[in-house]
C-alpha atoms as a PDB file:
ATOM      1  CA  UNK A   1       9.783  23.463  10.827  1.00  0.00           C
ATOM      2  CA  UNK A   2      11.343  25.154  13.869  1.00  0.00           C
ATOM      3  CA  UNK A   3      12.967  21.795  14.712  1.00  0.00           C
ATOM      4  CA  UNK A   4      14.817  21.818  11.376  1.00  0.00           C
ATOM      5  CA  UNK A   5      16.240  25.357  11.544  1.00  0.00           C
ATOM      6  CA  UNK A   6      19.255  24.317  13.677  1.00  0.00           C
ATOM      7  CA  UNK A   7      19.940  21.577  11.138  1.00  0.00           C
ATOM      8  CA  UNK A   8      20.013  24.168   8.348  1.00  0.00           C
ATOM      9  CA  UNK A   9      22.393  26.300  10.449  1.00  0.00           C
ATOM     10  CA  UNK A  10      24.716  23.335  11.032  1.00  0.00           C
ATOM     11  CA  UNK A  11      24.663  22.442   7.350  1.00  0.00           C
ATOM     12  CA  UNK A  12      25.624  26.001   6.402  1.00  0.00           C
ATOM     13  CA  UNK A  13      28.573  25.840   8.823  1.00  0.00           C
ATOM     14  CA  UNK A  14      29.665  22.510   7.302  1.00  0.00           C
ATOM     15  CA  UNK A  15      29.511  23.992   3.796  1.00  0.00           C
ATOM     16  CA  UNK A  16      31.551  26.979   4.949  1.00  0.00           C
ATOM     17  CA  UNK A  17      34.226  24.634   6.339  1.00  0.00           C
ATOM     18  CA  UNK A  18      34.225  22.735   3.030  1.00  0.00           C
ATOM     19  CA  UNK A  19      34.824  25.944   1.095  1.00  0.00           C
ATOM     20  CA  UNK A  20      37.891  26.571   3.280  1.00  0.00           C
ATOM     21  CA  UNK A  21      39.225  23.035   2.610  1.00  0.00           C
ATOM     22  CA  UNK A  22      39.061  22.059   6.247  1.00  0.00           C
ATOM     23  CA  UNK A  23      38.309  18.353   5.795  1.00  0.00           C
ATOM     24  CA  UNK A  24      38.305  17.475   9.502  1.00  0.00           C
ATOM     25  CA  UNK A  25      35.864  20.303  10.246  1.00  0.00           C
ATOM     26  CA  UNK A  26      33.755  19.272   7.256  1.00  0.00           C
ATOM     27  CA  UNK A  27      33.447  15.691   8.535  1.00  0.00           C
ATOM     28  CA  UNK A  28      32.599  16.924  12.040  1.00  0.00           C
ATOM     29  CA  UNK A  29      30.040  19.313  10.571  1.00  0.00           C
ATOM     30  CA  UNK A  30      28.358  16.633   8.491  1.00  0.00           C
ATOM     31  CA  UNK A  31      28.223  14.318  11.522  1.00  0.00           C
ATOM     32  CA  UNK A  32      26.663  17.116  13.565  1.00  0.00           C
ATOM     33  CA  UNK A  33      24.043  17.795  10.888  1.00  0.00           C
ATOM     34  CA  UNK A  34      23.242  14.085  10.542  1.00  0.00           C
ATOM     35  CA  UNK A  35      22.787  13.686  14.300  1.00  0.00           C
ATOM     36  CA  UNK A  36      20.652  16.827  14.586  1.00  0.00           C
ATOM     37  CA  UNK A  37      18.396  15.845  11.690  1.00  0.00           C
ATOM     38  CA  UNK A  38      18.064  12.239  12.913  1.00  0.00           C
ATOM     39  CA  UNK A  39      17.165  13.463  16.410  1.00  0.00           C
ATOM     40  CA  UNK A  40      14.620  15.982  15.093  1.00  0.00           C
ATOM     41  CA  UNK A  41      12.937  13.314  12.968  1.00  0.00           C
ATOM     42  CA  UNK A  42      12.910  10.864  15.884  1.00  0.00           C
ATOM     43  CA  UNK A  43      11.167  13.454  18.065  1.00  0.00           C
ATOM     44  CA  UNK A  44       8.456  13.607  15.400  1.00  0.00           C
ATOM     45  CA  UNK A  45       8.026   9.820  15.562  1.00  0.00           C
ATOM     46  CA  UNK A  46      10.247   8.561  12.737  1.00  0.00           C
ATOM     47  CA  UNK A  47      11.600   5.071  13.507  1.00  0.00           C
ATOM     48  CA  UNK A  48      14.206   3.048  11.624  1.00  0.00           C
ATOM     49  CA  UNK A  49      12.824  -0.308  10.484  1.00  0.00           C
ATOM     50  CA  UNK A  50      14.441  -3.274  12.216  1.00  0.00           C
ATOM     51  CA  UNK A  51      16.516  -5.450   9.891  1.00  0.00           C
ATOM     52  CA  UNK A  52      17.885  -8.082  12.288  1.00  0.00           C
ATOM     53  CA  UNK A  53      16.266 -11.420  11.741  1.00  0.00           C
ATOM     54  CA  UNK A  54      13.928 -12.754   9.080  1.00  0.00           C
ATOM     55  CA  UNK A  55      12.783 -11.018   5.923  1.00  0.00           C
ATOM     56  CA  UNK A  56       9.346  -9.420   6.367  1.00  0.00           C
ATOM     57  CA  UNK A  57       7.670  -8.356   3.095  1.00  0.00           C
ATOM     58  CA  UNK A  58       5.574  -5.800   5.014  1.00  0.00           C
ATOM     59  CA  UNK A  59       8.613  -3.709   5.945  1.00  0.00           C
ATOM     60  CA  UNK A  60      11.460  -5.018   3.764  1.00  0.00           C
ATOM     61  CA  UNK A  61      12.111  -4.968   0.028  1.00  0.00           C
ATOM     62  CA  UNK A  62      14.340  -7.846  -1.117  1.00  0.00           C
ATOM     63  CA  UNK A  63      16.736  -6.627  -3.780  1.00  0.00           C
ATOM     64  CA  UNK A  64      18.336 -10.037  -4.180  1.00  0.00           C
ATOM     65  CA  UNK A  65      19.060 -13.275  -2.423  1.00  0.00           C
ATOM     66  CA  UNK A  66      22.430 -14.911  -2.164  1.00  0.00           C
ATOM     67  CA  UNK A  67      23.786 -18.149  -0.739  1.00  0.00           C
ATOM     68  CA  UNK A  68      24.849 -17.730   2.847  1.00  0.00           C
ATOM     69  CA  UNK A  69      25.713 -19.588   6.038  1.00  0.00           C
ATOM     70  CA  UNK A  70      22.875 -17.612   7.652  1.00  0.00           C
ATOM     71  CA  UNK A  71      19.413 -19.154   7.991  1.00  0.00           C
ATOM     72  CA  UNK A  72      17.468 -19.111   4.740  1.00  0.00           C
ATOM     73  CA  UNK A  73      15.185 -16.081   4.580  1.00  0.00           C
ATOM     74  CA  UNK A  74      17.174 -13.980   7.040  1.00  0.00           C
ATOM     75  CA  UNK A  75      18.377 -10.478   6.228  1.00  0.00           C
ATOM     76  CA  UNK A  76      22.135 -10.579   5.639  1.00  0.00           C
ATOM     77  CA  UNK A  77      22.768  -7.062   4.333  1.00  0.00           C
ATOM     78  CA  UNK A  78      21.006  -3.707   4.401  1.00  0.00           C
ATOM     79  CA  UNK A  79      21.413  -1.758   1.166  1.00  0.00           C
ATOM     80  CA  UNK A  80      19.194   1.162   2.246  1.00  0.00           C
ATOM     81  CA  UNK A  81      17.622   1.780   5.638  1.00  0.00           C
ATOM     82  CA  UNK A  82      13.846   1.858   5.881  1.00  0.00           C
ATOM     83  CA  UNK A  83      11.685   4.076   8.074  1.00  0.00           C
ATOM     84  CA  UNK A  84       8.208   4.105   9.539  1.00  0.00           C
ATOM     85  CA  UNK A  85       6.080   6.803  11.090  1.00  0.00           C
ATOM     86  CA  UNK A  86       3.545   5.393  13.493  1.00  0.00           C
ATOM     87  CA  UNK A  87       2.117   2.272  11.865  1.00  0.00           C
ATOM     88  CA  UNK A  88       2.852   3.540   8.330  1.00  0.00           C
ATOM     89  CA  UNK A  89       5.933   2.416   6.378  1.00  0.00           C
ATOM     90  CA  UNK A  90       7.399   5.512   4.713  1.00  0.00           C
ATOM     91  CA  UNK A  91      10.127   3.557   2.956  1.00  0.00           C
ATOM     92  CA  UNK A  92      10.796  -0.185   3.246  1.00  0.00           C
ATOM     93  CA  UNK A  93      14.306  -1.315   4.132  1.00  0.00           C
ATOM     94  CA  UNK A  94      16.051  -2.531   0.972  1.00  0.00           C
ATOM     95  CA  UNK A  95      17.849  -5.736   1.881  1.00  0.00           C
ATOM     96  CA  UNK A  96      19.729  -8.812   0.692  1.00  0.00           C
ATOM     97  CA  UNK A  97      18.193 -12.082   1.868  1.00  0.00           C
ATOM     98  CA  UNK A  98      19.963 -15.377   2.599  1.00  0.00           C
ATOM     99  CA  UNK A  99      19.324 -18.152   0.091  1.00  0.00           C
ATOM    100  CA  UNK A 100      20.162 -21.827   0.702  1.00  0.00           C
ATOM    101  CA  UNK A 101      23.927 -22.402   0.771  1.00  0.00           C
ATOM    102  CA  UNK A 102      25.243 -23.860  -2.476  1.00  0.00           C
ATOM    103  CA  UNK A 103      26.717 -27.327  -2.124  1.00  0.00           C
ATOM    104  CA  UNK A 104      30.008 -28.197  -3.844  1.00  0.00           C
ATOM    105  CA  UNK A 105      29.416 -30.085  -7.082  1.00  0.00           C
ATOM    106  CA  UNK A 106      25.781 -29.012  -7.168  1.00  0.00           C
ATOM    107  CA  UNK A 107      26.054 -27.583 -10.669  1.00  0.00           C
ATOM    108  CA  UNK A 108      25.153 -30.838 -12.417  1.00  0.00           C
ATOM    109  CA  UNK A 109      28.642 -31.442 -13.838  1.00  0.00           C
ATOM    110  CA  UNK A 110      30.624 -34.536 -12.912  1.00  0.00           C
END
């Protein structure tokens, strides 16, 4: 919990800047809070799930597949990042997976 107290402090400063309509300071504050929280979680062992390469049902959740120039079964878009802690998946990465590319005239009409 001590690790998260500076994050709470930074968030309060960002909210104060927002109440004063200081957009640039608000954006900087939110970035600072995001970095601090991400770093604190990483120190505790949280790791972002890799999404480059092929779909892996153990760590990815396919939301849909769509035709693509990419290799069939590869991850082409990340909708929501996934995270693991040690060997446990806390949340799978929600992804879009490449389907076979559609060929022109492949709809059965002539």
